[in-house]
Every structure is written in structure tokens, then in C-alpha cells.
PDB file of N, CA and C in Angstrom:
ATOM      1  N   UNK A   1       0.803  -1.208   0.000  1.00  0.00           N
ATOM      2  CA  UNK A   1       0.000   0.000   0.000  1.00  0.00           C
ATOM      3  C   UNK A   1       0.842   1.267   0.000  1.00  0.00           C
ATOM      4  N   UNK A   2       2.040   1.235   0.511  1.00  0.00           N
ATOM      5  CA  UNK A   2       2.867   2.426   0.595  1.00  0.00           C
ATOM      6  C   UNK A   2       3.150   3.050  -0.767  1.00  0.00           C
ATOM      7  N   UNK A   3       3.417   2.227  -1.762  1.00  0.00           N
ATOM      8  CA  UNK A   3       3.692   2.750  -3.103  1.00  0.00           C
ATOM      9  C   UNK A   3       2.429   3.363  -3.689  1.00  0.00           C
ATOM     10  N   UNK A   4       1.293   2.715  -3.509  1.00  0.00           N
ATOM     11  CA  UNK A   4       0.030   3.250  -4.002  1.00  0.00           C
ATOM     12  C   UNK A   4      -0.217   4.638  -3.403  1.00  0.00           C
ATOM     13  N   UNK A   5      -0.026   4.765  -2.097  1.00  0.00           N
ATOM     14  CA  UNK A   5      -0.215   6.062  -1.429  1.00  0.00           C
ATOM     15  C   UNK A   5       0.735   7.112  -1.989  1.00  0.00           C
ATOM     16  N   UNK A   6       1.972   6.715  -2.246  1.00  0.00           N
ATOM     17  CA  UNK A   6       2.955   7.656  -2.791  1.00  0.00           C
ATOM     18  C   UNK A   6       2.525   8.147  -4.175  1.00  0.00           C
ATOM     19  N   UNK A   7       1.994   7.239  -4.983  1.00  0.00           N
ATOM     20  CA  UNK A   7       1.538   7.617  -6.327  1.00  0.00           C
ATOM     21  C   UNK A   7       0.367   8.589  -6.228  1.00  0.00           C
ATOM     22  N   UNK A   8      -0.607   8.276  -5.391  1.00  0.00           N
ATOM     23  CA  UNK A   8      -1.771   9.148  -5.225  1.00  0.00           C
ATOM     24  C   UNK A   8      -1.336  10.510  -4.688  1.00  0.00           C
ATOM     25  N   UNK A   9      -0.471  10.497  -3.692  1.00  0.00           N
ATOM     26  CA  UNK A   9      -0.006  11.742  -3.068  1.00  0.00           C
ATOM     27  C   UNK A   9       0.813  12.598  -4.040  1.00  0.00           C
ATOM     28  N   UNK A  10       1.455  11.971  -5.029  1.00  0.00           N
ATOM     29  CA  UNK A  10       2.329  12.704  -5.959  1.00  0.00           C
ATOM     30  C   UNK A  10       1.566  13.685  -6.836  1.00  0.00           C
ATOM     31  N   UNK A  11       0.280  13.453  -7.032  1.00  0.00           N
ATOM     32  CA  UNK A  11      -0.517  14.278  -7.935  1.00  0.00           C
ATOM     33  C   UNK A  11       0.120  14.327  -9.326  1.00  0.00           C
ATOM     34  N   UNK A  12       0.868  13.259  -9.674  1.00  0.00           N
ATOM     35  CA  UNK A  12       1.474  13.167 -11.000  1.00  0.00           C
ATOM     36  C   UNK A  12       2.769  13.930 -11.157  1.00  0.00           C
ATOM     37  N   UNK A  13       3.323  14.424 -10.044  1.00  0.00           N
ATOM     38  CA  UNK A  13       4.533  15.258 -10.107  1.00  0.00           C
ATOM     39  C   UNK A  13       5.689  14.646  -9.325  1.00  0.00           C
ATOM     40  N   UNK A  14       6.894  15.046  -9.735  1.00  0.00           N
ATOM     41  CA  UNK A  14       8.116  14.651  -9.042  1.00  0.00           C
ATOM     42  C   UNK A  14       8.115  15.273  -7.646  1.00  0.00           C
ATOM     43  N   UNK A  15       8.290  14.456  -6.623  1.00  0.00           N
ATOM     44  CA  UNK A  15       8.273  14.936  -5.235  1.00  0.00           C
ATOM     45  C   UNK A  15       9.342  15.994  -4.985  1.00  0.00           C
ATOM     46  N   UNK A  16      10.488  15.881  -5.627  1.00  0.00           N
ATOM     47  CA  UNK A  16      11.623  16.761  -5.337  1.00  0.00           C
ATOM     48  C   UNK A  16      11.661  18.013  -6.214  1.00  0.00           C
ATOM     49  N   UNK A  17      11.250  17.917  -7.479  1.00  0.00           N
ATOM     50  CA  UNK A  17      11.356  19.055  -8.401  1.00  0.00           C
ATOM     51  C   UNK A  17      10.018  19.702  -8.729  1.00  0.00           C
ATOM     52  N   UNK A  18       8.931  18.978  -8.503  1.00  0.00           N
ATOM     53  CA  UNK A  18       7.614  19.490  -8.859  1.00  0.00           C
ATOM     54  C   UNK A  18       7.280  19.336 -10.329  1.00  0.00           C
ATOM     55  N   UNK A  19       8.197  18.772 -11.106  1.00  0.00           N
ATOM     56  CA  UNK A  19       7.947  18.596 -12.538  1.00  0.00           C
ATOM     57  C   UNK A  19       6.835  17.575 -12.777  1.00  0.00           C
ATOM     58  N   UNK A  20       6.002  17.814 -13.794  1.00  0.00           N
ATOM     59  CA  UNK A  20       5.013  16.794 -14.147  1.00  0.00           C
ATOM     60  C   UNK A  20       5.725  15.564 -14.715  1.00  0.00           C
ATOM     61  N   UNK A  21       5.291  14.391 -14.287  1.00  0.00           N
ATOM     62  CA  UNK A  21       5.898  13.153 -14.763  1.00  0.00           C
ATOM     63  C   UNK A  21       5.192  12.663 -16.018  1.00  0.00           C
ATOM     64  N   UNK A  22       5.907  11.936 -16.851  1.00  0.00           N
ATOM     65  CA  UNK A  22       5.335  11.387 -18.079  1.00  0.00           C
ATOM     66  C   UNK A  22       4.877   9.956 -17.804  1.00  0.00           C
ATOM     67  N   UNK A  23       3.622   9.830 -17.402  1.00  0.00           N
ATOM     68  CA  UNK A  23       3.084   8.534 -17.006  1.00  0.00           C
ATOM     69  C   UNK A  23       2.932   7.586 -18.186  1.00  0.00           C
ATOM     70  N   UNK A  24       2.998   8.096 -19.418  1.00  0.00           N
ATOM     71  CA  UNK A  24       2.926   7.217 -20.591  1.00  0.00           C
ATOM     72  C   UNK A  24       4.190   6.365 -20.708  1.00  0.00           C
ATOM     73  N   UNK A  25       5.244   6.706 -19.966  1.00  0.00           N
ATOM     74  CA  UNK A  25       6.500   5.954 -20.024  1.00  0.00           C
ATOM     75  C   UNK A  25       6.523   4.752 -19.079  1.00  0.00           C
ATOM     76  N   UNK A  26       5.514   4.630 -18.219  1.00  0.00           N
ATOM     77  CA  UNK A  26       5.461   3.485 -17.296  1.00  0.00           C
ATOM     78  C   UNK A  26       5.408   2.196 -18.114  1.00  0.00           C
ATOM     79  N   UNK A  27       6.304   1.282 -17.815  1.00  0.00           N
ATOM     80  CA  UNK A  27       6.348  -0.009 -18.497  1.00  0.00           C
ATOM     81  C   UNK A  27       6.977   0.031 -19.878  1.00  0.00           C
ATOM     82  N   UNK A  28       7.531   1.174 -20.280  1.00  0.00           N
ATOM     83  CA  UNK A  28       8.083   1.313 -21.624  1.00  0.00           C
ATOM     84  C   UNK A  28       9.592   1.090 -21.691  1.00  0.00           C
ATOM     85  N   UNK A  29      10.229   0.832 -20.567  1.00  0.00           N
ATOM     86  CA  UNK A  29      11.677   0.642 -20.549  1.00  0.00           C
ATOM     87  C   UNK A  29      12.074  -0.540 -21.428  1.00  0.00           C
ATOM     88  N   UNK A  30      13.145  -0.357 -22.191  1.00  0.00           N
ATOM     89  CA  UNK A  30      13.613  -1.378 -23.120  1.00  0.00           C
ATOM     90  C   UNK A  30      15.122  -1.538 -22.924  1.00  0.00           C
ATOM     91  N   UNK A  31      15.537  -2.627 -22.289  1.00  0.00           N
ATOM     92  CA  UNK A  31      16.953  -2.830 -21.968  1.00  0.00           C
ATOM     93  C   UNK A  31      17.845  -2.860 -23.202  1.00  0.00           C
ATOM     94  N   UNK A  32      17.410  -3.519 -24.270  1.00  0.00           N
ATOM     95  CA  UNK A  32      18.229  -3.601 -25.481  1.00  0.00           C
ATOM     96  C   UNK A  32      18.445  -2.212 -26.076  1.00  0.00           C
ATOM     97  N   UNK A  33      17.372  -1.433 -26.134  1.00  0.00           N
ATOM     98  CA  UNK A  33      17.480  -0.071 -26.668  1.00  0.00           C
ATOM     99  C   UNK A  33      18.337   0.798 -25.741  1.00  0.00           C
ATOM    100  N   UNK A  34      18.197   0.597 -24.442  1.00  0.00           N
ATOM    101  CA  UNK A  34      18.983   1.351 -23.475  1.00  0.00           C
ATOM    102  C   UNK A  34      20.477   1.080 -23.661  1.00  0.00           C
ATOM    103  N   UNK A  35      20.834  -0.184 -23.851  1.00  0.00           N
ATOM    104  CA  UNK A  35      22.241  -0.552 -24.065  1.00  0.00           C
ATOM    105  C   UNK A  35      22.768   0.027 -25.375  1.00  0.00           C
ATOM    106  N   UNK A  36      21.942   0.033 -26.411  1.00  0.00           N
ATOM    107  CA  UNK A  36      22.375   0.504 -27.724  1.00  0.00           C
ATOM    108  C   UNK A  36      22.506   2.022 -27.785  1.00  0.00           C
ATOM    109  N   UNK A  37      21.565   2.729 -27.174  1.00  0.00           N
ATOM    110  CA  UNK A  37      21.528   4.195 -27.313  1.00  0.00           C
ATOM    111  C   UNK A  37      22.062   4.936 -26.095  1.00  0.00           C
ATOM    112  N   UNK A  38      22.265   4.255 -24.997  1.00  0.00           N
ATOM    113  CA  UNK A  38      22.832   4.778 -23.753  1.00  0.00           C
ATOM    114  C   UNK A  38      22.247   6.120 -23.321  1.00  0.00           C
ATOM    115  N   UNK A  39      23.069   7.161 -23.276  1.00  0.00           N
ATOM    116  CA  UNK A  39      22.626   8.471 -22.761  1.00  0.00           C
ATOM    117  C   UNK A  39      21.440   9.030 -23.536  1.00  0.00           C
ATOM    118  N   UNK A  40      21.464   8.852 -24.842  1.00  0.00           N
ATOM    119  CA  UNK A  40      20.360   9.358 -25.668  1.00  0.00           C
ATOM    120  C   UNK A  40      19.047   8.706 -25.238  1.00  0.00           C
ATOM    121  N   UNK A  41      19.072   7.407 -25.009  1.00  0.00           N
ATOM    122  CA  UNK A  41      17.871   6.691 -24.570  1.00  0.00           C
ATOM    123  C   UNK A  41      17.467   7.142 -23.173  1.00  0.00           C
ATOM    124  N   UNK A  42      18.440   7.230 -22.273  1.00  0.00           N
ATOM    125  CA  UNK A  42      18.147   7.616 -20.891  1.00  0.00           C
ATOM    126  C   UNK A  42      17.471   8.983 -20.849  1.00  0.00           C
ATOM    127  N   UNK A  43      17.892   9.894 -21.726  1.00  0.00           N
ATOM    128  CA  UNK A  43      17.280  11.223 -21.773  1.00  0.00           C
ATOM    129  C   UNK A  43      15.803  11.140 -22.149  1.00  0.00           C
ATOM    130  N   UNK A  44      15.438  10.179 -22.980  1.00  0.00           N
ATOM    131  CA  UNK A  44      14.031  10.047 -23.373  1.00  0.00           C
ATOM    132  C   UNK A  44      13.178   9.509 -22.225  1.00  0.00           C
ATOM    133  N   UNK A  45      13.823   8.899 -21.240  1.00  0.00           N
ATOM    134  CA  UNK A  45      13.112   8.320 -20.100  1.00  0.00           C
ATOM    135  C   UNK A  45      13.225   9.196 -18.846  1.00  0.00           C
ATOM    136  N   UNK A  46      13.792  10.380 -18.969  1.00  0.00           N
ATOM    137  CA  UNK A  46      14.108  11.232 -17.818  1.00  0.00           C
ATOM    138  C   UNK A  46      12.907  11.493 -16.918  1.00  0.00           C
ATOM    139  N   UNK A  47      11.744  11.711 -17.492  1.00  0.00           N
ATOM    140  CA  UNK A  47      10.568  12.047 -16.691  1.00  0.00           C
ATOM    141  C   UNK A  47       9.650  10.850 -16.428  1.00  0.00           C
ATOM    142  N   UNK A  48      10.182   9.662 -16.654  1.00  0.00           N
ATOM    143  CA  UNK A  48       9.417   8.459 -16.308  1.00  0.00           C
ATOM    144  C   UNK A  48       9.268   8.392 -14.789  1.00  0.00           C
ATOM    145  N   UNK A  49       8.077   8.082 -14.295  1.00  0.00           N
ATOM    146  CA  UNK A  49       7.894   7.960 -12.847  1.00  0.00           C
ATOM    147  C   UNK A  49       8.732   6.817 -12.278  1.00  0.00           C
ATOM    148  N   UNK A  50       9.312   7.055 -11.122  1.00  0.00           N
ATOM    149  CA  UNK A  50      10.053   6.006 -10.419  1.00  0.00           C
ATOM    150  C   UNK A  50       9.778   6.140  -8.931  1.00  0.00           C
ATOM    151  N   UNK A  51      10.115   5.104  -8.205  1.00  0.00           N
ATOM    152  CA  UNK A  51       9.853   5.079  -6.766  1.00  0.00           C
ATOM    153  C   UNK A  51      11.163   5.282  -6.020  1.00  0.00           C
ATOM    154  N   UNK A  52      11.195   6.308  -5.174  1.00  0.00           N
ATOM    155  CA  UNK A  52      12.345   6.564  -4.306  1.00  0.00           C
ATOM    156  C   UNK A  52      12.045   5.949  -2.950  1.00  0.00           C
ATOM    157  N   UNK A  53      12.948   5.105  -2.479  1.00  0.00           N
ATOM    158  CA  UNK A  53      12.836   4.509  -1.144  1.00  0.00           C
ATOM    159  C   UNK A  53      13.448   5.485  -0.157  1.00  0.00           C
ATOM    160  N   UNK A  54      12.627   6.067   0.690  1.00  0.00           N
ATOM    161  CA  UNK A  54      13.064   7.082   1.635  1.00  0.00           C
ATOM    162  C   UNK A  54      13.430   6.408   2.954  1.00  0.00           C
ATOM    163  N   UNK A  55      14.435   6.929   3.605  1.00  0.00           N
ATOM    164  CA  UNK A  55      14.819   6.399   4.911  1.00  0.00           C
ATOM    165  C   UNK A  55      15.975   5.430   4.806  1.00  0.00           C
ATOM    166  N   UNK A  56      16.312   4.841   5.943  1.00  0.00           N
ATOM    167  CA  UNK A  56      17.472   3.961   6.011  1.00  0.00           C
ATOM    168  C   UNK A  56      17.132   2.493   5.801  1.00  0.00           C
ATOM    169  N   UNK A  57      15.884   2.187   5.585  1.00  0.00           N
ATOM    170  CA  UNK A  57      15.468   0.812   5.368  1.00  0.00           C
ATOM    171  C   UNK A  57      15.272   0.018   6.643  1.00  0.00           C
ATOM    172  N   UNK A  58      15.522   0.637   7.779  1.00  0.00           N
ATOM    173  CA  UNK A  58      15.384  -0.062   9.054  1.00  0.00           C
ATOM    174  C   UNK A  58      14.002   0.137   9.672  1.00  0.00           C
ATOM    175  N   UNK A  59      13.353   1.230   9.307  1.00  0.00           N
ATOM    176  CA  UNK A  59      12.026   1.523   9.845  1.00  0.00           C
ATOM    177  C   UNK A  59      10.948   1.116   8.857  1.00  0.00           C
ATOM    178  N   UNK A  60       9.773   1.664   9.060  1.00  0.00           N
ATOM    179  CA  UNK A  60       8.656   1.399   8.159  1.00  0.00           C
ATOM    180  C   UNK A  60       8.993   1.902   6.751  1.00  0.00           C
ATOM    181  N   UNK A  61       8.517   1.172   5.765  1.00  0.00           N
ATOM    182  CA  UNK A  61       8.769   1.560   4.372  1.00  0.00           C
ATOM    183  C   UNK A  61       8.133   2.911   4.087  1.00  0.00           C
ATOM    184  N   UNK A  62       8.873   3.759   3.396  1.00  0.00           N
ATOM    185  CA  UNK A  62       8.380   5.078   3.007  1.00  0.00           C
ATOM    186  C   UNK A  62       8.823   5.316   1.577  1.00  0.00           C
ATOM    187  N   UNK A  63       7.911   5.760   0.732  1.00  0.00           N
ATOM    188  CA  UNK A  63       8.203   5.924  -0.684  1.00  0.00           C
ATOM    189  C   UNK A  63       7.777   7.311  -1.149  1.00  0.00           C
ATOM    190  N   UNK A  64       8.509   7.826  -2.118  1.00  0.00           N
ATOM    191  CA  UNK A  64       8.157   9.059  -2.817  1.00  0.00           C
ATOM    192  C   UNK A  64       8.237   8.761  -4.306  1.00  0.00           C
ATOM    193  N   UNK A  65       7.372   9.390  -5.081  1.00  0.00           N
ATOM    194  CA  UNK A  65       7.403   9.259  -6.533  1.00  0.00           C
ATOM    195  C   UNK A  65       8.214  10.420  -7.088  1.00  0.00           C
ATOM    196  N   UNK A  66       9.142  10.094  -7.961  1.00  0.00           N
ATOM    197  CA  UNK A  66       9.955  11.137  -8.603  1.00  0.00           C
ATOM    198  C   UNK A  66      10.361  10.666  -9.991  1.00  0.00           C
ATOM    199  N   UNK A  67      10.902  11.567 -10.766  1.00  0.00           N
ATOM    200  CA  UNK A  67      11.362  11.237 -12.107  1.00  0.00           C
ATOM    201  C   UNK A  67      12.570  10.306 -12.026  1.00  0.00           C
ATOM    202  N   UNK A  68      12.723   9.475 -13.019  1.00  0.00           N
ATOM    203  CA  UNK A  68      13.868   8.577 -13.085  1.00  0.00           C
ATOM    204  C   UNK A  68      15.169   9.364 -12.999  1.00  0.00           C
ATOM    205  N   UNK A  69      15.238  10.492 -13.692  1.00  0.00           N
ATOM    206  CA  UNK A  69      16.432  11.344 -13.656  1.00  0.00           C
ATOM    207  C   UNK A  69      16.709  11.814 -12.233  1.00  0.00           C
ATOM    208  N   UNK A  70      15.682  12.237 -11.518  1.00  0.00           N
ATOM    209  CA  UNK A  70      15.846  12.698 -10.146  1.00  0.00           C
ATOM    210  C   UNK A  70      16.297  11.561  -9.249  1.00  0.00           C
ATOM    211  N   UNK A  71      15.689  10.401  -9.405  1.00  0.00           N
ATOM    212  CA  UNK A  71      16.035   9.253  -8.587  1.00  0.00           C
ATOM    213  C   UNK A  71      17.487   8.828  -8.827  1.00  0.00           C
ATOM    214  N   UNK A  72      17.932   8.878 -10.080  1.00  0.00           N
ATOM    215  CA  UNK A  72      19.334   8.579 -10.387  1.00  0.00           C
ATOM    216  C   UNK A  72      20.263   9.563  -9.690  1.00  0.00           C
ATOM    217  N   UNK A  73      19.904  10.844  -9.742  1.00  0.00           N
ATOM    218  CA  UNK A  73      20.752  11.875  -9.126  1.00  0.00           C
ATOM    219  C   UNK A  73      20.766  11.748  -7.608  1.00  0.00           C
ATOM    220  N   UNK A  74      19.619  11.462  -7.031  1.00  0.00           N
ATOM    221  CA  UNK A  74      19.519  11.351  -5.570  1.00  0.00           C
ATOM    222  C   UNK A  74      20.227  10.109  -5.066  1.00  0.00           C
ATOM    223  N   UNK A  75      20.132   9.028  -5.807  1.00  0.00           N
ATOM    224  CA  UNK A  75      20.743   7.760  -5.435  1.00  0.00           C
ATOM    225  C   UNK A  75      20.318   7.376  -4.022  1.00  0.00           C
ATOM    226  N   UNK A  76      21.257   7.116  -3.133  1.00  0.00           N
ATOM    227  CA  UNK A  76      20.905   6.697  -1.782  1.00  0.00           C
ATOM    228  C   UNK A  76      21.064   7.819  -0.754  1.00  0.00           C
ATOM    229  N   UNK A  77      21.117   9.070  -1.231  1.00  0.00           N
ATOM    230  CA  UNK A  77      21.225  10.207  -0.313  1.00  0.00           C
ATOM    231  C   UNK A  77      19.919  10.408   0.453  1.00  0.00           C
ATOM    232  N   UNK A  78      20.040  10.929   1.659  1.00  0.00           N
ATOM    233  CA  UNK A  78      18.842  11.339   2.384  1.00  0.00           C
ATOM    234  C   UNK A  78      18.286  12.578   1.689  1.00  0.00           C
ATOM    235  N   UNK A  79      17.054  12.934   2.025  1.00  0.00           N
ATOM    236  CA  UNK A  79      16.453  14.137   1.458  1.00  0.00           C
ATOM    237  C   UNK A  79      17.330  15.361   1.736  1.00  0.00           C
ATOM    238  N   UNK A  80      17.730  15.540   2.994  1.00  0.00           N
ATOM    239  CA  UNK A  80      18.544  16.707   3.362  1.00  0.00           C
ATOM    240  C   UNK A  80      19.891  16.710   2.651  1.00  0.00           C
ATOM    241  N   UNK A  81      20.531  15.545   2.535  1.00  0.00           N
ATOM    242  CA  UNK A  81      21.821  15.469   1.836  1.00  0.00           C
ATOM    243  C   UNK A  81      21.658  15.772   0.351  1.00  0.00           C
ATOM    244  N   UNK A  82      20.555  15.308  -0.245  1.00  0.00           N
ATOM    245  CA  UNK A  82      20.296  15.580  -1.658  1.00  0.00           C
ATOM    246  C   UNK A  82      20.087  17.074  -1.898  1.00  0.00           C
ATOM    247  N   UNK A  83      19.289  17.711  -1.050  1.00  0.00           N
ATOM    248  CA  UNK A  83      19.058  19.153  -1.183  1.00  0.00           C
ATOM    249  C   UNK A  83      20.374  19.911  -1.005  1.00  0.00           C
ATOM    250  N   UNK A  84      21.180  19.510  -0.034  1.00  0.00           N
ATOM    251  CA  UNK A  84      22.479  20.165   0.186  1.00  0.00           C
ATOM    252  C   UNK A  84      23.377  20.007  -1.040  1.00  0.00           C
ATOM    253  N   UNK A  85      23.384  18.822  -1.642  1.00  0.00           N
ATOM    254  CA  UNK A  85      24.174  18.606  -2.853  1.00  0.00           C
ATOM    255  C   UNK A  85      23.685  19.511  -3.982  1.00  0.00           C
ATOM    256  N   UNK A  86      22.369  19.592  -4.165  1.00  0.00           N
ATOM    257  CA  UNK A  86      21.807  20.456  -5.212  1.00  0.00           C
ATOM    258  C   UNK A  86      22.213  21.913  -4.991  1.00  0.00           C
ATOM    259  N   UNK A  87      22.183  22.358  -3.751  1.00  0.00           N
ATOM    260  CA  UNK A  87      22.597  23.735  -3.448  1.00  0.00           C
ATOM    261  C   UNK A  87      24.067  23.957  -3.783  1.00  0.00           C
ATOM    262  N   UNK A  88      24.919  22.970  -3.491  1.00  0.00           N
ATOM    263  CA  UNK A  88      26.345  23.106  -3.821  1.00  0.00           C
ATOM    264  C   UNK A  88      26.551  23.157  -5.326  1.00  0.00           C
ATOM    265  N   UNK A  89      25.821  22.344  -6.067  1.00  0.00           N
ATOM    266  CA  UNK A  89      25.931  22.354  -7.530  1.00  0.00           C
ATOM    267  C   UNK A  89      25.542  23.723  -8.078  1.00  0.00           C
ATOM    268  N   UNK A  90      24.411  24.255  -7.629  1.00  0.00           N
ATOM    269  CA  UNK A  90      23.938  25.557  -8.106  1.00  0.00           C
ATOM    270  C   UNK A  90      24.919  26.662  -7.710  1.00  0.00           C
ATOM    271  N   UNK A  91      25.409  26.628  -6.481  1.00  0.00           N
ATOM    272  CA  UNK A  91      26.366  27.646  -6.033  1.00  0.00           C
ATOM    273  C   UNK A  91      27.631  27.611  -6.868  1.00  0.00           C
ATOM    274  N   UNK A  92      28.111  26.413  -7.160  1.00  0.00           N
ATOM    275  CA  UNK A  92      29.320  26.286  -7.983  1.00  0.00           C
ATOM    276  C   UNK A  92      29.056  26.805  -9.398  1.00  0.00           C
ATOM    277  N   UNK A  93      27.907  26.456  -9.973  1.00  0.00           N
ATOM    278  CA  UNK A  93      27.545  26.935 -11.298  1.00  0.00           C
ATOM    279  C   UNK A  93      27.474  28.456 -11.315  1.00  0.00           C
ATOM    280  N   UNK A  94      26.808  29.034 -10.333  1.00  0.00           N
ATOM    281  CA  UNK A  94      26.667  30.490 -10.259  1.00  0.00           C
ATOM    282  C   UNK A  94      28.026  31.170 -10.120  1.00  0.00           C
ATOM    283  N   UNK A  95      28.910  30.596  -9.301  1.00  0.00           N
ATOM    284  CA  UNK A  95      30.240  31.184  -9.117  1.00  0.00           C
ATOM    285  C   UNK A  95      31.014  31.146 -10.434  1.00  0.00           C
ATOM    286  N   UNK A  96      30.983  30.009 -11.141  1.00  0.00           N
ATOM    287  CA  UNK A  96      31.663  29.909 -12.431  1.00  0.00           C
ATOM    288  C   UNK A  96      31.076  30.870 -13.449  1.00  0.00           C
ATOM    289  N   UNK A  97      29.755  31.023 -13.453  1.00  0.00           N
ATOM    290  CA  UNK A  97      29.093  31.955 -14.354  1.00  0.00           C
ATOM    291  C   UNK A  97      29.560  33.376 -14.083  1.00  0.00           C
ATOM    292  N   UNK A  98      29.615  33.736 -12.816  1.00  0.00           N
ATOM    293  CA  UNK A  98      30.039  35.081 -12.448  1.00  0.00           C
ATOM    294  C   UNK A  98      31.505  35.313 -12.838  1.00  0.00           C
ATOM    295  N   UNK A  99      32.376  34.335 -12.605  1.00  0.00           N
ATOM    296  CA  UNK A  99      33.788  34.472 -12.960  1.00  0.00           C
ATOM    297  C   UNK A  99      33.955  34.603 -14.474  1.00  0.00           C
ATOM    298  N   UNK A 100      33.192  33.845 -15.237  1.00  0.00           N
ATOM    299  CA  UNK A 100      33.257  33.927 -16.699  1.00  0.00           C
ATOM    300  C   UNK A 100      32.810  35.303 -17.171  1.00  0.00           C
ATOM    301  N   UNK A 101      31.734  35.806 -16.582  1.00  0.00           N
ATOM    302  CA  UNK A 101      31.242  37.120 -16.980  1.00  0.00           C
ATOM    303  C   UNK A 101      32.231  38.211 -16.581  1.00  0.00           C
ATOM    304  N   UNK A 102      32.877  38.093 -15.426  1.00  0.00           N
ATOM    305  CA  UNK A 102      33.900  39.055 -15.010  1.00  0.00           C
ATOM    306  C   UNK A 102      35.036  39.080 -16.022  1.00  0.00           C
ATOM    307  N   UNK A 103      35.474  37.905 -16.469  1.00  0.00           N
ATOM    308  CA  UNK A 103      36.606  37.794 -17.384  1.00  0.00           C
ATOM    309  C   UNK A 103      36.281  38.352 -18.767  1.00  0.00           C
ATOM    310  N   UNK A 104      35.012  38.279 -19.180  1.00  0.00           N
ATOM    311  CA  UNK A 104      34.636  38.747 -20.512  1.00  0.00           C
ATOM    312  C   UNK A 104      34.149  40.183 -20.512  1.00  0.00           C
ATOM    313  N   UNK A 105      34.020  40.766 -19.320  1.00  0.00           N
ATOM    314  CA  UNK A 105      33.542  42.137 -19.229  1.00  0.00           C
ATOM    315  C   UNK A 105      32.044  42.272 -19.380  1.00  0.00           C
ATOM    316  N   UNK A 106      31.361  41.153 -19.436  1.00  0.00           N
ATOM    317  CA  UNK A 106      29.906  41.188 -19.542  1.00  0.00           C
ATOM    318  C   UNK A 106      29.304  41.596 -18.215  1.00  0.00           C
ATOM    319  N   UNK A 107      28.031  41.932 -18.254  1.00  0.00           N
ATOM    320  CA  UNK A 107      27.315  42.260 -17.033  1.00  0.00           C
ATOM    321  C   UNK A 107      27.385  41.073 -16.082  1.00  0.00           C
ATOM    322  N   UNK A 108      27.707  41.325 -14.839  1.00  0.00           N
ATOM    323  CA  UNK A 108      27.828  40.278 -13.842  1.00  0.00           C
ATOM    324  C   UNK A 108      26.521  40.155 -13.074  1.00  0.00           C
ATOM    325  N   UNK A 109      26.012  38.933 -12.981  1.00  0.00           N
ATOM    326  CA  UNK A 109      24.809  38.659 -12.212  1.00  0.00           C
ATOM    327  C   UNK A 109      25.217  38.160 -10.834  1.00  0.00           C
ATOM    328  N   UNK A 110      24.489  38.568  -9.838  1.00  0.00           N
ATOM    329  CA  UNK A 110      24.729  37.975  -8.522  1.00  0.00           C
ATOM    330  C   UNK A 110      24.149  36.580  -8.530  1.00  0.00           C
ATOM    331  N   UNK A 111      24.621  35.738  -7.627  1.00  0.00           N
ATOM    332  CA  UNK A 111      24.132  34.361  -7.566  1.00  0.00           C
ATOM    333  C   UNK A 111      22.632  34.323  -7.378  1.00  0.00           C
ATOM    334  N   UNK A 112      22.094  35.253  -6.606  1.00  0.00           N
ATOM    335  CA  UNK A 112      20.662  35.211  -6.316  1.00  0.00           C
ATOM    336  C   UNK A 112      19.810  35.612  -7.517  1.00  0.00           C
ATOM    337  N   UNK A 113      20.426  36.211  -8.548  1.00  0.00           N
ATOM    338  CA  UNK A 113      19.636  36.582  -9.719  1.00  0.00           C
ATOM    339  C   UNK A 113      19.715  35.536 -10.825  1.00  0.00           C
ATOM    340  N   UNK A 114      20.514  34.515 -10.629  1.00  0.00           N
ATOM    341  CA  UNK A 114      20.619  33.460 -11.624  1.00  0.00           C
ATOM    342  C   UNK A 114      19.339  32.630 -11.628  1.00  0.00           C
ATOM    343  N   UNK A 115      18.889  32.198 -12.815  1.00  0.00           N
ATOM    344  CA  UNK A 115      17.689  31.368 -12.862  1.00  0.00           C
ATOM    345  C   UNK A 115      17.887  30.003 -12.209  1.00  0.00           C
ATOM    346  N   UNK A 116      19.134  29.586 -12.001  1.00  0.00           N
ATOM    347  CA  UNK A 116      19.405  28.298 -11.372  1.00  0.00           C
ATOM    348  C   UNK A 116      19.722  28.425  -9.894  1.00  0.00           C
ATOM    349  N   UNK A 117      19.671  29.617  -9.376  1.00  0.00           N
ATOM    350  CA  UNK A 117      20.106  29.848  -8.004  1.00  0.00           C
ATOM    351  C   UNK A 117      19.123  29.317  -6.978  1.00  0.00           C
ATOM    352  N   UNK A 118      19.683  28.988  -5.828  1.00  0.00           N
ATOM    353  CA  UNK A 118      18.840  28.569  -4.702  1.00  0.00           C
ATOM    354  C   UNK A 118      18.585  29.763  -3.804  1.00  0.00           C
ATOM    355  N   UNK A 119      18.918  30.977  -4.293  1.00  0.00           N
ATOM    356  CA  UNK A 119      18.619  32.187  -3.542  1.00  0.00           C
ATOM    357  C   UNK A 119      19.705  32.625  -2.587  1.00  0.00           C
ATOM    358  N   UNK A 120      20.872  32.017  -2.684  1.00  0.00           N
ATOM    359  CA  UNK A 120      21.960  32.379  -1.796  1.00  0.00           C
ATOM    360  C   UNK A 120      23.130  32.871  -2.625  1.00  0.00           C
ATOM    361  N   UNK A 121      23.714  34.006  -2.244  1.00  0.00           N
ATOM    362  CA  UNK A 121      24.889  34.482  -2.940  1.00  0.00           C
ATOM    363  C   UNK A 121      26.070  33.560  -2.610  1.00  0.00           C
ATOM    364  N   UNK A 122      26.951  33.438  -3.591  1.00  0.00           N
ATOM    365  CA  UNK A 122      28.120  32.595  -3.412  1.00  0.00           C
ATOM    366  C   UNK A 122      29.158  33.367  -2.611  1.00  0.00           C
ATOM    367  N   UNK A 123      29.703  32.720  -1.607  1.00  0.00           N
ATOM    368  CA  UNK A 123      30.751  33.332  -0.794  1.00  0.00           C
ATOM    369  C   UNK A 123      32.059  32.666  -1.124  1.00  0.00           C
ATOM    370  N   UNK A 124      33.074  33.442  -1.410  1.00  0.00           N
ATOM    371  CA  UNK A 124      34.400  32.906  -1.731  1.00  0.00           C
ATOM    372  C   UNK A 124      35.163  32.576  -0.487  1.00  0.00           C
TER     373      UNK A 124
END
């Protein structure tokens, strides 16, 4: 029942990103095609719904529905560790963007104005 509840609770969206999931991809995975096309194939399945096992596996089963791409990125991280990793990725991207713009003389954006920002300025 836990997976059923997670699906109903998802409202068709990725628990972590809020993106709408492509439910037409359920059951469409093809191992032979995946092996042949690799990354190109995986990209076509990015928004396929998948089940994230939340917790350490020692307590009651807890599940969240998320995109296959999100589940791959999260791997076995806790929710808090995954969010912290995402913030570090965005901060690093914003810092590199700002350094590139400084070097080219282009207008410099603060980290908080970047469309990928988590709302925190990068501190050196």
C-alpha cells in the first residue's frame, strides 16, 4: 500500500522538483534499446515515474514518486543530503558563471539573480 499512497499523493509530479511526470512511459523501458543508445535513450526516459525509497530501510517503508532522472541523481542520499548537494551544484555553477562574466567584461549577475540559483549568494 505504501507505493500506491505515494503515487496518489504525488498528484502526478516529481516529489523533489515538482515537474510533471510522463506517465505514458510506465512499463516502456527497453533494456536492449537502453544498451544501444545509452545516454540518448536515458534522456528520453528522464521524466518516467520512479519510486524513491526514503529512509534507512530499518524503519517502516516510506516511498516518494519522482522522475527517473531525479532518482538517479539522488541515489541513496537522504532528502537533506540531496538538497544540500543540489545547493552546492547551483552555487558552484553560479560562481563559475560570475567568474566567466567578469573575465569577458559582460554584465555580472549575482548568484541570487541566476535562474538556477537557490537564492543564496556565493561566498568565496
